[in-house]
C-alpha atoms as a PDB file:
ATOM      1  CA  MET A   1     108.032  80.222 -64.491  1.00  0.00           C
ATOM      2  CA  PRO A   2     105.070  81.485 -62.487  1.00  0.00           C
ATOM      3  CA  ALA A   3     101.732  81.283 -64.134  1.00  0.00           C
ATOM      4  CA  ASP A   4     100.470  84.359 -65.799  1.00  0.00           C
ATOM      5  CA  THR A   5      97.577  85.644 -63.783  1.00  0.00           C
ATOM      6  CA  SER A   6      96.922  88.705 -65.885  1.00  0.00           C
ATOM      7  CA  ASN A   7      94.361  86.848 -67.971  1.00  0.00           C
ATOM      8  CA  GLU A   8      92.372  85.537 -65.004  1.00  0.00           C
ATOM      9  CA  LYS A   9      88.780  86.708 -65.144  1.00  0.00           C
ATOM     10  CA  PRO A  10      87.529  88.567 -62.083  1.00  0.00           C
ATOM     11  CA  VAL A  11      84.907  86.759 -60.050  1.00  0.00           C
ATOM     12  CA  SER A  12      81.402  87.914 -60.987  1.00  0.00           C
ATOM     13  CA  ARG A  13      79.314  89.828 -58.463  1.00  0.00           C
ATOM     14  CA  VAL A  14      76.596  87.187 -58.698  1.00  0.00           C
ATOM     15  CA  LYS A  15      79.058  84.457 -57.697  1.00  0.00           C
ATOM     16  CA  VAL A  16      80.387  86.541 -54.805  1.00  0.00           C
ATOM     17  CA  ALA A  17      76.851  87.305 -53.590  1.00  0.00           C
ATOM     18  CA  ALA A  18      75.789  83.656 -53.909  1.00  0.00           C
ATOM     19  CA  THR A  19      78.874  82.510 -52.002  1.00  0.00           C
ATOM     20  CA  VAL A  20      78.313  84.993 -49.170  1.00  0.00           C
ATOM     21  CA  VAL A  21      74.638  84.015 -48.866  1.00  0.00           C
ATOM     22  CA  PHE A  22      75.587  80.326 -48.897  1.00  0.00           C
ATOM     23  CA  TYR A  23      78.121  80.908 -46.115  1.00  0.00           C
ATOM     24  CA  LEU A  24      75.651  82.937 -44.028  1.00  0.00           C
ATOM     25  CA  VAL A  25      72.837  80.393 -44.327  1.00  0.00           C
ATOM     26  CA  ALA A  26      75.087  77.422 -43.525  1.00  0.00           C
ATOM     27  CA  ALA A  27      76.796  79.071 -40.544  1.00  0.00           C
ATOM     28  CA  ILE A  28      73.633  80.518 -38.989  1.00  0.00           C
ATOM     29  CA  ALA A  29      71.600  77.339 -39.500  1.00  0.00           C
ATOM     30  CA  MET A  30      74.365  75.365 -37.806  1.00  0.00           C
ATOM     31  CA  VAL A  31      74.349  77.501 -34.649  1.00  0.00           C
ATOM     32  CA  VAL A  32      70.550  77.808 -34.394  1.00  0.00           C
ATOM     33  CA  ALA A  33      69.964  74.074 -34.941  1.00  0.00           C
ATOM     34  CA  ASN A  34      72.721  73.234 -32.460  1.00  0.00           C
ATOM     35  CA  LYS A  35      71.144  75.440 -29.809  1.00  0.00           C
ATOM     36  CA  TRP A  36      67.704  73.943 -30.484  1.00  0.00           C
ATOM     37  CA  VAL A  37      68.970  70.421 -29.797  1.00  0.00           C
ATOM     38  CA  LEU A  38      71.284  71.352 -26.917  1.00  0.00           C
ATOM     39  CA  ASN A  39      68.346  72.961 -25.090  1.00  0.00           C
ATOM     40  CA  GLU A  40      66.621  69.560 -25.027  1.00  0.00           C
ATOM     41  CA  THR A  41      69.448  67.026 -24.654  1.00  0.00           C
ATOM     42  CA  LYS A  42      71.819  66.012 -21.869  1.00  0.00           C
ATOM     43  CA  THR A  43      74.252  64.431 -24.339  1.00  0.00           C
ATOM     44  CA  PRO A  44      76.175  67.215 -26.112  1.00  0.00           C
ATOM     45  CA  LEU A  45      79.115  64.949 -27.003  1.00  0.00           C
ATOM     46  CA  PHE A  46      76.892  62.171 -28.374  1.00  0.00           C
ATOM     47  CA  PHE A  47      75.134  64.843 -30.425  1.00  0.00           C
ATOM     48  CA  LEU A  48      78.527  65.939 -31.743  1.00  0.00           C
ATOM     49  CA  LEU A  49      79.394  62.332 -32.624  1.00  0.00           C
ATOM     50  CA  ALA A  50      76.153  62.032 -34.611  1.00  0.00           C
ATOM     51  CA  GLN A  51      77.094  65.166 -36.577  1.00  0.00           C
ATOM     52  CA  LEU A  52      80.541  63.797 -37.410  1.00  0.00           C
ATOM     53  CA  VAL A  53      79.154  60.415 -38.492  1.00  0.00           C
ATOM     54  CA  ILE A  54      76.574  62.072 -40.759  1.00  0.00           C
ATOM     55  CA  ALA A  55      79.296  64.263 -42.286  1.00  0.00           C
ATOM     56  CA  CYS A  56      81.398  61.137 -42.963  1.00  0.00           C
ATOM     57  CA  VAL A  57      78.422  59.409 -44.605  1.00  0.00           C
ATOM     58  CA  LEU A  58      77.882  62.456 -46.838  1.00  0.00           C
ATOM     59  CA  PHE A  59      81.567  62.418 -47.812  1.00  0.00           C
ATOM     60  CA  LEU A  60      81.255  58.742 -48.765  1.00  0.00           C
ATOM     61  CA  MET A  61      78.061  59.350 -50.760  1.00  0.00           C
ATOM     62  CA  CYS A  62      79.744  62.143 -52.713  1.00  0.00           C
ATOM     63  CA  HIS A  63      82.669  59.792 -53.369  1.00  0.00           C
ATOM     64  CA  VAL A  64      80.359  57.005 -54.607  1.00  0.00           C
ATOM     65  CA  PHE A  65      78.529  59.352 -56.987  1.00  0.00           C
ATOM     66  CA  GLY A  66      81.787  60.785 -58.296  1.00  0.00           C
ATOM     67  CA  LEU A  67      81.297  64.286 -56.890  1.00  0.00           C
ATOM     68  CA  LEU A  68      84.647  64.091 -55.121  1.00  0.00           C
ATOM     69  CA  LYS A  69      87.466  61.605 -54.667  1.00  0.00           C
ATOM     70  CA  LEU A  70      88.477  60.424 -51.212  1.00  0.00           C
ATOM     71  CA  PRO A  71      91.782  58.752 -50.319  1.00  0.00           C
ATOM     72  CA  ARG A  72      91.475  54.988 -49.835  1.00  0.00           C
ATOM     73  CA  ASN A  73      94.500  54.337 -47.653  1.00  0.00           C
ATOM     74  CA  LEU A  74      95.041  55.348 -44.038  1.00  0.00           C
ATOM     75  CA  ASP A  75      98.378  54.390 -42.510  1.00  0.00           C
ATOM     76  CA  MET A  76      99.766  54.971 -39.034  1.00  0.00           C
ATOM     77  CA  GLN A  77     102.184  57.600 -40.302  1.00  0.00           C
ATOM     78  CA  THR A  78      99.240  59.699 -41.514  1.00  0.00           C
ATOM     79  CA  VAL A  79      97.374  59.152 -38.249  1.00  0.00           C
ATOM     80  CA  LYS A  80     100.394  60.259 -36.202  1.00  0.00           C
ATOM     81  CA  GLY A  81     100.907  63.295 -38.419  1.00  0.00           C
ATOM     82  CA  LEU A  82      97.269  64.339 -38.001  1.00  0.00           C
ATOM     83  CA  ALA A  83      97.127  63.645 -34.242  1.00  0.00           C
ATOM     84  CA  PRO A  84      97.540  67.338 -33.222  1.00  0.00           C
ATOM     85  CA  LEU A  85      94.724  68.349 -35.595  1.00  0.00           C
ATOM     86  CA  ILE A  86      92.367  65.629 -34.360  1.00  0.00           C
ATOM     87  CA  ALA A  87      93.032  66.478 -30.706  1.00  0.00           C
ATOM     88  CA  CYS A  88      92.491  70.180 -31.338  1.00  0.00           C
ATOM     89  CA  ASN A  89      89.347  69.550 -33.399  1.00  0.00           C
ATOM     90  CA  VAL A  90      87.707  67.194 -30.886  1.00  0.00           C
ATOM     91  CA  LEU A  91      88.431  69.539 -27.982  1.00  0.00           C
ATOM     92  CA  GLY A  92      87.343  72.601 -29.952  1.00  0.00           C
ATOM     93  CA  LEU A  93      84.028  71.126 -31.123  1.00  0.00           C
ATOM     94  CA  SER A  94      83.322  69.802 -27.623  1.00  0.00           C
ATOM     95  CA  PHE A  95      84.004  73.198 -26.050  1.00  0.00           C
ATOM     96  CA  ASN A  96      81.797  74.835 -28.705  1.00  0.00           C
ATOM     97  CA  ASN A  97      78.864  72.573 -27.864  1.00  0.00           C
ATOM     98  CA  TYR A  98      79.274  72.970 -24.110  1.00  0.00           C
ATOM     99  CA  CYS A  99      79.537  76.746 -24.504  1.00  0.00           C
ATOM    100  CA  LEU A 100      76.398  76.925 -26.660  1.00  0.00           C
ATOM    101  CA  LYS A 101      74.528  74.673 -24.236  1.00  0.00           C
ATOM    102  CA  TYR A 102      75.106  77.001 -21.284  1.00  0.00           C
ATOM    103  CA  VAL A 103      74.785  80.455 -22.923  1.00  0.00           C
ATOM    104  CA  ASP A 104      72.136  82.127 -25.072  1.00  0.00           C
ATOM    105  CA  ALA A 105      72.485  81.888 -28.840  1.00  0.00           C
ATOM    106  CA  SER A 106      72.812  85.681 -28.953  1.00  0.00           C
ATOM    107  CA  PHE A 107      75.625  85.568 -26.352  1.00  0.00           C
ATOM    108  CA  TYR A 108      77.573  82.782 -28.081  1.00  0.00           C
ATOM    109  CA  GLN A 109      79.588  85.260 -30.141  1.00  0.00           C
ATOM    110  CA  VAL A 110      80.500  87.201 -26.995  1.00  0.00           C
ATOM    111  CA  ALA A 111      81.526  84.090 -25.032  1.00  0.00           C
ATOM    112  CA  ARG A 112      83.907  83.189 -27.871  1.00  0.00           C
ATOM    113  CA  GLY A 113      84.957  86.798 -28.355  1.00  0.00           C
ATOM    114  CA  LEU A 114      88.635  86.274 -27.515  1.00  0.00           C
ATOM    115  CA  VAL A 115      89.329  84.255 -30.680  1.00  0.00           C
ATOM    116  CA  LEU A 116      91.026  87.180 -32.450  1.00  0.00           C
ATOM    117  CA  PRO A 117      93.318  88.353 -29.592  1.00  0.00           C
ATOM    118  CA  ILE A 118      94.331  84.773 -28.774  1.00  0.00           C
ATOM    119  CA  THR A 119      94.988  84.038 -32.466  1.00  0.00           C
ATOM    120  CA  VAL A 120      97.277  87.072 -32.737  1.00  0.00           C
ATOM    121  CA  ALA A 121      99.060  86.112 -29.498  1.00  0.00           C
ATOM    122  CA  THR A 122      99.445  82.499 -30.665  1.00  0.00           C
ATOM    123  CA  SER A 123     100.942  83.624 -33.974  1.00  0.00           C
ATOM    124  CA  ALA A 124     103.377  85.887 -32.125  1.00  0.00           C
ATOM    125  CA  VAL A 125     104.549  83.052 -29.854  1.00  0.00           C
ATOM    126  CA  ILE A 126     104.571  80.097 -32.258  1.00  0.00           C
ATOM    127  CA  ILE A 127     105.518  81.591 -35.625  1.00  0.00           C
ATOM    128  CA  HIS A 128     107.131  84.787 -34.269  1.00  0.00           C
ATOM    129  CA  SER A 129     104.786  87.066 -36.214  1.00  0.00           C
ATOM    130  CA  ARG A 130     105.113  90.503 -34.621  1.00  0.00           C
ATOM    131  CA  PRO A 131     101.770  92.382 -34.721  1.00  0.00           C
ATOM    132  CA  SER A 132     101.619  96.059 -35.622  1.00  0.00           C
ATOM    133  CA  LEU A 133     100.247  98.716 -33.281  1.00  0.00           C
ATOM    134  CA  LYS A 134      97.048  98.906 -35.347  1.00  0.00           C
ATOM    135  CA  VAL A 135      96.551  95.151 -35.001  1.00  0.00           C
ATOM    136  CA  LEU A 136      97.069  95.447 -31.241  1.00  0.00           C
ATOM    137  CA  GLY A 137      94.508  98.257 -31.222  1.00  0.00           C
ATOM    138  CA  ALA A 138      91.977  96.016 -32.972  1.00  0.00           C
ATOM    139  CA  CYS A 139      92.673  93.250 -30.454  1.00  0.00           C
ATOM    140  CA  ALA A 140      92.215  95.704 -27.581  1.00  0.00           C
ATOM    141  CA  LEU A 141      88.824  96.740 -28.997  1.00  0.00           C
ATOM    142  CA  VAL A 142      87.702  93.112 -29.290  1.00  0.00           C
ATOM    143  CA  THR A 143      88.970  92.306 -25.785  1.00  0.00           C
ATOM    144  CA  ALA A 144      87.090  95.310 -24.396  1.00  0.00           C
ATOM    145  CA  GLY A 145      83.951  94.027 -26.108  1.00  0.00           C
ATOM    146  CA  PHE A 146      84.377  90.618 -24.491  1.00  0.00           C
ATOM    147  CA  PHE A 147      84.729  92.044 -20.977  1.00  0.00           C
ATOM    148  CA  VAL A 148      81.830  94.461 -21.486  1.00  0.00           C
ATOM    149  CA  GLY A 149      79.629  91.479 -22.303  1.00  0.00           C
ATOM    150  CA  VAL A 150      80.922  89.339 -19.451  1.00  0.00           C
ATOM    151  CA  LEU A 151      80.762  92.041 -16.774  1.00  0.00           C
ATOM    152  CA  LEU A 152      77.860  94.263 -17.835  1.00  0.00           C
ATOM    153  CA  ASP A 153      75.342  91.909 -19.461  1.00  0.00           C
ATOM    154  CA  ARG A 154      72.283  91.653 -17.244  1.00  0.00           C
ATOM    155  CA  SER A 155      69.055  90.074 -18.510  1.00  0.00           C
ATOM    156  CA  ALA A 156      65.736  90.765 -16.782  1.00  0.00           C
ATOM    157  CA  SER A 157      63.273  87.896 -16.363  1.00  0.00           C
ATOM    158  CA  PRO A 158      59.447  88.264 -16.432  1.00  0.00           C
ATOM    159  CA  ALA A 159      59.509  87.842 -12.635  1.00  0.00           C
ATOM    160  CA  GLY A 160      61.584  91.008 -12.332  1.00  0.00           C
ATOM    161  CA  THR A 161      64.866  89.353 -11.375  1.00  0.00           C
ATOM    162  CA  THR A 162      68.114  89.884 -13.255  1.00  0.00           C
ATOM    163  CA  SER A 163      70.582  87.226 -14.315  1.00  0.00           C
ATOM    164  CA  SER A 164      74.147  87.332 -15.584  1.00  0.00           C
ATOM    165  CA  PRO A 165      75.719  85.065 -18.223  1.00  0.00           C
ATOM    166  CA  SER A 166      76.607  81.508 -17.227  1.00  0.00           C
ATOM    167  CA  THR A 167      80.120  81.358 -15.784  1.00  0.00           C
ATOM    168  CA  ILE A 168      80.640  77.803 -17.018  1.00  0.00           C
ATOM    169  CA  GLY A 169      79.412  78.832 -20.479  1.00  0.00           C
ATOM    170  CA  ILE A 170      81.943  81.681 -20.580  1.00  0.00           C
ATOM    171  CA  PHE A 171      84.657  79.291 -19.351  1.00  0.00           C
ATOM    172  CA  PHE A 172      83.979  76.901 -22.229  1.00  0.00           C
ATOM    173  CA  GLY A 173      83.812  79.889 -24.590  1.00  0.00           C
ATOM    174  CA  VAL A 174      87.336  80.946 -23.601  1.00  0.00           C
ATOM    175  CA  LEU A 175      88.597  77.366 -24.010  1.00  0.00           C
ATOM    176  CA  SER A 176      86.896  77.274 -27.410  1.00  0.00           C
ATOM    177  CA  SER A 177      88.683  80.500 -28.352  1.00  0.00           C
ATOM    178  CA  PHE A 178      92.054  78.925 -27.488  1.00  0.00           C
ATOM    179  CA  THR A 179      91.407  75.801 -29.563  1.00  0.00           C
ATOM    180  CA  THR A 180      90.106  77.868 -32.495  1.00  0.00           C
ATOM    181  CA  ALA A 181      93.260  79.988 -32.419  1.00  0.00           C
ATOM    182  CA  LEU A 182      95.473  76.898 -32.295  1.00  0.00           C
ATOM    183  CA  LEU A 183      93.505  75.185 -35.051  1.00  0.00           C
ATOM    184  CA  ALA A 184      94.650  77.647 -37.727  1.00  0.00           C
ATOM    185  CA  VAL A 185      98.304  76.965 -36.901  1.00  0.00           C
ATOM    186  CA  VAL A 186      97.753  73.207 -36.616  1.00  0.00           C
ATOM    187  CA  ILE A 187      95.931  72.968 -39.961  1.00  0.00           C
ATOM    188  CA  LYS A 188      98.824  74.717 -41.679  1.00  0.00           C
ATOM    189  CA  SER A 189     101.310  72.247 -40.202  1.00  0.00           C
ATOM    190  CA  CYS A 190      99.146  69.194 -41.005  1.00  0.00           C
ATOM    191  CA  LEU A 191      98.376  69.989 -44.649  1.00  0.00           C
ATOM    192  CA  PRO A 192     101.721  68.570 -45.912  1.00  0.00           C
ATOM    193  CA  VAL A 193     100.819  65.242 -44.263  1.00  0.00           C
ATOM    194  CA  VAL A 194      97.987  64.818 -46.804  1.00  0.00           C
ATOM    195  CA  GLY A 195      99.800  66.310 -49.778  1.00  0.00           C
ATOM    196  CA  ASN A 196      98.344  69.794 -49.172  1.00  0.00           C
ATOM    197  CA  SER A 197      94.840  68.540 -50.066  1.00  0.00           C
ATOM    198  CA  ALA A 198      92.186  70.443 -48.095  1.00  0.00           C
ATOM    199  CA  LEU A 199      89.571  67.856 -49.105  1.00  0.00           C
ATOM    200  CA  ASP A 200      91.622  64.915 -47.800  1.00  0.00           C
ATOM    201  CA  LEU A 201      92.293  66.847 -44.607  1.00  0.00           C
ATOM    202  CA  ALA A 202      88.559  67.500 -44.087  1.00  0.00           C
ATOM    203  CA  TRP A 203      87.757  63.815 -44.659  1.00  0.00           C
ATOM    204  CA  TYR A 204      90.408  62.499 -42.267  1.00  0.00           C
ATOM    205  CA  ASN A 205      89.509  65.184 -39.745  1.00  0.00           C
ATOM    206  CA  ASN A 206      85.848  64.122 -39.589  1.00  0.00           C
ATOM    207  CA  LEU A 207      86.583  60.388 -39.680  1.00  0.00           C
ATOM    208  CA  LEU A 208      89.319  60.307 -37.036  1.00  0.00           C
ATOM    209  CA  SER A 209      87.521  62.828 -34.804  1.00  0.00           C
ATOM    210  CA  ALA A 210      84.492  60.512 -34.726  1.00  0.00           C
ATOM    211  CA  VAL A 211      86.697  57.540 -33.807  1.00  0.00           C
ATOM    212  CA  VAL A 212      88.409  59.471 -30.988  1.00  0.00           C
ATOM    213  CA  LEU A 213      85.177  60.992 -29.656  1.00  0.00           C
ATOM    214  CA  ALA A 214      83.310  57.676 -29.244  1.00  0.00           C
ATOM    215  CA  PRO A 215      85.231  56.428 -26.151  1.00  0.00           C
ATOM    216  CA  ILE A 216      85.322  59.942 -24.661  1.00  0.00           C
ATOM    217  CA  ILE A 217      81.504  59.897 -24.491  1.00  0.00           C
ATOM    218  CA  VAL A 218      81.711  56.883 -22.170  1.00  0.00           C
ATOM    219  CA  LEU A 219      84.568  58.352 -20.120  1.00  0.00           C
ATOM    220  CA  VAL A 220      82.712  61.616 -19.341  1.00  0.00           C
ATOM    221  CA  GLY A 221      79.640  59.673 -18.179  1.00  0.00           C
ATOM    222  CA  GLU A 222      77.168  60.322 -20.989  1.00  0.00           C
ATOM    223  CA  GLY A 223      76.481  56.579 -21.404  1.00  0.00           C
ATOM    224  CA  PRO A 224      73.357  56.406 -19.166  1.00  0.00           C
ATOM    225  CA  ASP A 225      71.895  59.569 -20.725  1.00  0.00           C
ATOM    226  CA  VAL A 226      72.513  58.160 -24.217  1.00  0.00           C
ATOM    227  CA  MET A 227      70.675  54.948 -23.296  1.00  0.00           C
ATOM    228  CA  ASP A 228      67.811  56.986 -21.829  1.00  0.00           C
ATOM    229  CA  LEU A 229      67.662  59.095 -24.989  1.00  0.00           C
ATOM    230  CA  LEU A 230      67.556  56.079 -27.300  1.00  0.00           C
ATOM    231  CA  PHE A 231      65.543  53.572 -25.270  1.00  0.00           C
ATOM    232  CA  GLY A 232      64.251  55.232 -22.084  1.00  0.00           C
ATOM    233  CA  ALA A 233      61.686  57.835 -21.088  1.00  0.00           C
ATOM    234  CA  ALA A 234      63.400  60.583 -23.106  1.00  0.00           C
ATOM    235  CA  SER A 235      62.519  58.721 -26.295  1.00  0.00           C
ATOM    236  CA  ALA A 236      58.787  59.021 -25.538  1.00  0.00           C
ATOM    237  CA  THR A 237      58.292  62.062 -23.283  1.00  0.00           C
ATOM    238  CA  LYS A 238      57.416  65.278 -25.094  1.00  0.00           C
ATOM    239  CA  THR A 239      59.340  68.439 -24.226  1.00  0.00           C
ATOM    240  CA  SER A 240      58.281  72.093 -24.235  1.00  0.00           C
ATOM    241  CA  SER A 241      58.741  72.186 -28.014  1.00  0.00           C
ATOM    242  CA  GLY A 242      56.012  69.573 -28.508  1.00  0.00           C
ATOM    243  CA  MET A 243      58.495  66.938 -29.686  1.00  0.00           C
ATOM    244  CA  THR A 244      60.227  64.178 -27.786  1.00  0.00           C
ATOM    245  CA  ALA A 245      63.904  64.640 -26.944  1.00  0.00           C
ATOM    246  CA  PHE A 246      64.651  61.718 -29.261  1.00  0.00           C
ATOM    247  CA  ASP A 247      62.813  63.328 -32.201  1.00  0.00           C
ATOM    248  CA  THR A 248      64.583  66.628 -31.547  1.00  0.00           C
ATOM    249  CA  PHE A 249      67.910  64.796 -31.457  1.00  0.00           C
ATOM    250  CA  ILE A 250      67.268  62.935 -34.728  1.00  0.00           C
ATOM    251  CA  TYR A 251      66.042  65.964 -36.675  1.00  0.00           C
ATOM    252  CA  GLY A 252      68.702  68.208 -35.174  1.00  0.00           C
ATOM    253  CA  SER A 253      71.474  65.734 -35.947  1.00  0.00           C
ATOM    254  CA  ALA A 254      70.319  65.441 -39.560  1.00  0.00           C
ATOM    255  CA  ILE A 255      70.179  69.226 -40.007  1.00  0.00           C
ATOM    256  CA  THR A 256      73.472  69.989 -38.267  1.00  0.00           C
ATOM    257  CA  GLY A 257      75.225  67.019 -39.860  1.00  0.00           C
ATOM    258  CA  LEU A 258      74.251  68.312 -43.296  1.00  0.00           C
ATOM    259  CA  PHE A 259      75.165  71.909 -42.529  1.00  0.00           C
ATOM    260  CA  GLY A 260      78.346  70.821 -40.764  1.00  0.00           C
ATOM    261  CA  PHE A 261      79.347  69.151 -44.019  1.00  0.00           C
ATOM    262  CA  LEU A 262      78.359  72.207 -46.063  1.00  0.00           C
ATOM    263  CA  ILE A 263      79.955  74.763 -43.760  1.00  0.00           C
ATOM    264  CA  ASN A 264      83.438  73.465 -44.564  1.00  0.00           C
ATOM    265  CA  ILE A 265      82.720  74.069 -48.242  1.00  0.00           C
ATOM    266  CA  ALA A 266      81.006  77.374 -47.490  1.00  0.00           C
ATOM    267  CA  GLY A 267      83.868  78.712 -45.397  1.00  0.00           C
ATOM    268  CA  PHE A 268      86.432  77.641 -47.984  1.00  0.00           C
ATOM    269  CA  MET A 269      84.426  79.151 -50.848  1.00  0.00           C
ATOM    270  CA  SER A 270      83.833  82.370 -48.926  1.00  0.00           C
ATOM    271  CA  ILE A 271      87.571  82.872 -48.431  1.00  0.00           C
ATOM    272  CA  LYS A 272      88.514  81.658 -51.915  1.00  0.00           C
ATOM    273  CA  VAL A 273      85.941  83.590 -53.963  1.00  0.00           C
ATOM    274  CA  THR A 274      85.606  86.761 -51.882  1.00  0.00           C
ATOM    275  CA  SER A 275      88.170  89.198 -50.550  1.00  0.00           C
ATOM    276  CA  PRO A 276      89.218  89.053 -46.870  1.00  0.00           C
ATOM    277  CA  ILE A 277      87.216  92.221 -46.197  1.00  0.00           C
ATOM    278  CA  THR A 278      84.072  90.715 -47.740  1.00  0.00           C
ATOM    279  CA  HIS A 279      84.577  87.502 -45.781  1.00  0.00           C
ATOM    280  CA  MET A 280      84.956  89.349 -42.472  1.00  0.00           C
ATOM    281  CA  VAL A 281      81.962  91.608 -43.181  1.00  0.00           C
ATOM    282  CA  SER A 282      79.880  88.513 -43.971  1.00  0.00           C
ATOM    283  CA  SER A 283      81.079  87.016 -40.674  1.00  0.00           C
ATOM    284  CA  ALA A 284      80.015  90.216 -38.912  1.00  0.00           C
ATOM    285  CA  VAL A 285      76.598  90.101 -40.581  1.00  0.00           C
ATOM    286  CA  LYS A 286      76.357  86.463 -39.495  1.00  0.00           C
ATOM    287  CA  GLY A 287      76.952  87.514 -35.888  1.00  0.00           C
ATOM    288  CA  VAL A 288      74.218  90.161 -36.026  1.00  0.00           C
ATOM    289  CA  LEU A 289      71.694  87.826 -37.699  1.00  0.00           C
ATOM    290  CA  GLN A 290      72.593  85.104 -35.211  1.00  0.00           C
ATOM    291  CA  SER A 291      71.731  87.456 -32.347  1.00  0.00           C
ATOM    292  CA  ILE A 292      68.442  88.467 -33.999  1.00  0.00           C
ATOM    293  CA  LEU A 293      67.478  84.830 -34.557  1.00  0.00           C
ATOM    294  CA  GLY A 294      68.388  84.097 -30.939  1.00  0.00           C
ATOM    295  CA  VAL A 295      65.789  86.663 -29.889  1.00  0.00           C
ATOM    296  CA  TRP A 296      63.247  85.299 -32.380  1.00  0.00           C
ATOM    297  CA  PHE A 297      63.623  81.553 -31.834  1.00  0.00           C
ATOM    298  CA  PHE A 298      64.784  81.330 -28.221  1.00  0.00           C
ATOM    299  CA  HIS A 299      63.386  84.604 -26.800  1.00  0.00           C
ATOM    300  CA  ASP A 300      66.841  85.866 -25.829  1.00  0.00           C
ATOM    301  CA  VAL A 301      67.043  89.320 -24.274  1.00  0.00           C
ATOM    302  CA  ILE A 302      69.629  91.709 -25.755  1.00  0.00           C
ATOM    303  CA  SER A 303      70.629  93.952 -22.864  1.00  0.00           C
ATOM    304  CA  GLY A 304      72.559  97.181 -23.316  1.00  0.00           C
ATOM    305  CA  GLY A 305      75.744  95.460 -22.157  1.00  0.00           C
ATOM    306  CA  ARG A 306      75.301  92.551 -24.559  1.00  0.00           C
ATOM    307  CA  GLY A 307      74.474  94.818 -27.501  1.00  0.00           C
ATOM    308  CA  THR A 308      77.509  97.025 -26.798  1.00  0.00           C
ATOM    309  CA  SER A 309      79.707  93.948 -26.463  1.00  0.00           C
ATOM    310  CA  ILE A 310      78.595  92.511 -29.813  1.00  0.00           C
ATOM    311  CA  LEU A 311      79.126  95.888 -31.501  1.00  0.00           C
ATOM    312  CA  LEU A 312      82.671  96.303 -30.122  1.00  0.00           C
ATOM    313  CA  ILE A 313      83.672  92.766 -31.118  1.00  0.00           C
ATOM    314  CA  LEU A 314      82.319  93.250 -34.642  1.00  0.00           C
ATOM    315  CA  LEU A 315      84.002  96.642 -35.086  1.00  0.00           C
ATOM    316  CA  GLY A 316      87.316  95.318 -33.765  1.00  0.00           C
ATOM    317  CA  SER A 317      87.167  92.281 -36.059  1.00  0.00           C
ATOM    318  CA  ILE A 318      86.354  94.363 -39.139  1.00  0.00           C
ATOM    319  CA  TYR A 319      89.073  96.895 -38.278  1.00  0.00           C
ATOM    320  CA  TYR A 320      91.603  94.073 -37.838  1.00  0.00           C
ATOM    321  CA  THR A 321      90.770  92.652 -41.266  1.00  0.00           C
ATOM    322  CA  TRP A 322      91.012  96.094 -42.869  1.00  0.00           C
ATOM    323  CA  VAL A 323      94.414  96.679 -41.239  1.00  0.00           C
ATOM    324  CA  LYS A 324      95.760  93.286 -42.359  1.00  0.00           C
ATOM    325  CA  ASN A 325      94.461  93.901 -45.877  1.00  0.00           C
ATOM    326  CA  GLN A 326      96.188  97.294 -45.973  1.00  0.00           C
ATOM    327  CA  GLU A 327      99.434  95.695 -44.775  1.00  0.00           C
ATOM    328  CA  VAL A 328      99.251  93.118 -47.568  1.00  0.00           C
ATOM    329  CA  VAL A 329      98.541  95.801 -50.179  1.00  0.00           C
ATOM    330  CA  GLU A 330     101.469  97.898 -48.927  1.00  0.00           C
ATOM    331  CA  ARG A 331     103.808  94.901 -48.958  1.00  0.00           C
ATOM    332  CA  GLU A 332     102.767  93.982 -52.507  1.00  0.00           C
ATOM    333  CA  ARG A 333     103.245  97.607 -53.590  1.00  0.00           C
ATOM    334  CA  LYS A 334     106.790  97.656 -52.239  1.00  0.00           C
ATOM    335  CA  GLU A 335     107.596  94.316 -53.862  1.00  0.00           C
ATOM    336  CA  SER A 336     106.321  95.564 -57.225  1.00  0.00           C
ATOM    337  CA  LEU A 337     108.512  98.687 -57.217  1.00  0.00           C
ATOM    338  CA  PRO A 338     111.237  98.643 -59.940  1.00  0.00           C
ATOM    339  CA  MET A 339     114.676  97.621 -58.677  1.00  0.00           C
ATOM    340  CA  SER A 340     117.358 100.237 -58.295  1.00  0.00           C
ATOM    341  CA  ASN A 341     120.259 100.403 -60.748  1.00  0.00           C
ATOM    342  CA  ALA A 342     122.578  98.940 -58.114  1.00  0.00           C
ATOM    343  CA  SER A 343     120.332  95.928 -57.524  1.00  0.00           C
ATOM    344  CA  LYS A 344     120.173  95.337 -61.288  1.00  0.00           C
ATOM    345  CA  GLY A 345     123.965  95.131 -61.486  1.00  0.00           C
ATOM    346  CA  ALA A 346     124.393  98.410 -63.397  1.00  0.00           C
ATOM    347  CA  TYR A 347     127.054 100.980 -62.557  1.00  0.00           C
ATOM    348  CA  GLU A 348     125.831 103.671 -60.226  1.00  0.00           C
ATOM    349  CA  SER A 349     126.864 107.236 -60.948  1.00  0.00           C
ATOM    350  CA  VAL A 350     129.104 108.834 -58.356  1.00  0.00           C
ATOM    351  CA  PRO A 351     128.613 112.502 -57.407  1.00  0.00           C
ATOM    352  CA  THR A 352     131.296 114.917 -58.669  1.00  0.00           C
ATOM    353  CA  LYS A 353     132.444 115.867 -55.195  1.00  0.00           C
ATOM    354  CA  GLU A 354     133.197 112.252 -54.329  1.00  0.00           C
ATOM    355  CA  ARG A 355     135.334 111.844 -57.493  1.00  0.00           C
ATOM    356  CA  GLU A 356     137.549 114.762 -56.632  1.00  0.00           C
END
């Protein structure tokens, strides 16, 4: 019999507020710290590897102190089953870092603005989930926001010249949107491989992604830059921030490794403890604060085109979540309606005219 959920206590407002704040701080700190390091380093993939290794070390420390329990066995069957997830994760994180390296922190949300439309399209193709007209309308609004940002964003420099967003940054942003959309489907298919344990999946994901990423760093040619960062001039020469590139890398890796570990928990808690609407609104607030911090920390310029783009993407995302929530409520309402007499197996009365 299904468990009786009528006695479940509603989540307190304090817990919801604390969870949302936790999610906002973790997510924003991750992006800002990433941008800080990527502005000073030529090794975005090695930086990503450092984050994954630190996250793995934190997982192991939590296991040693009994805060969580990690699986001890890793067989080839598990590795093969998780291969699509690892490939998608490594590509997605790499595209994220390359995108953030080439665009402003305040434009990062715009460059990855096609996540929602691509996710809906992916669901329609792979799992044959037909979107409603309202969902398509939300996707159209988000897509319009993306193209407004790409085509109309013009930033003026102190010298009086104008510049448009980095084409290569936008390219990596679109690739990142594709991998993010695929990731949701891939995670769902890979959960049974680890007994539907989200914790085990997170552990294997970080561990195997680090193993796969290590040789890729050499293949893409980051080896000489890594050696220069660790042992060459970059380890001693101070940058515009007043720190050496090596110091920036070490501090940035520690911060982002910690927050990368926490953001998995924060995202999970935000979805688990809050409603979908609250989670999406908190994501929208995160996008706005991220843009403000981009102006504050990195002196980004929010042009009219960029501001309009961010607004359209946020409105489309919030509208999409509201529509999906309404669809769920309507479906649950229909399912809770009492069954008709015919469906219960009772005799149904026949009108007099039909008996004659």
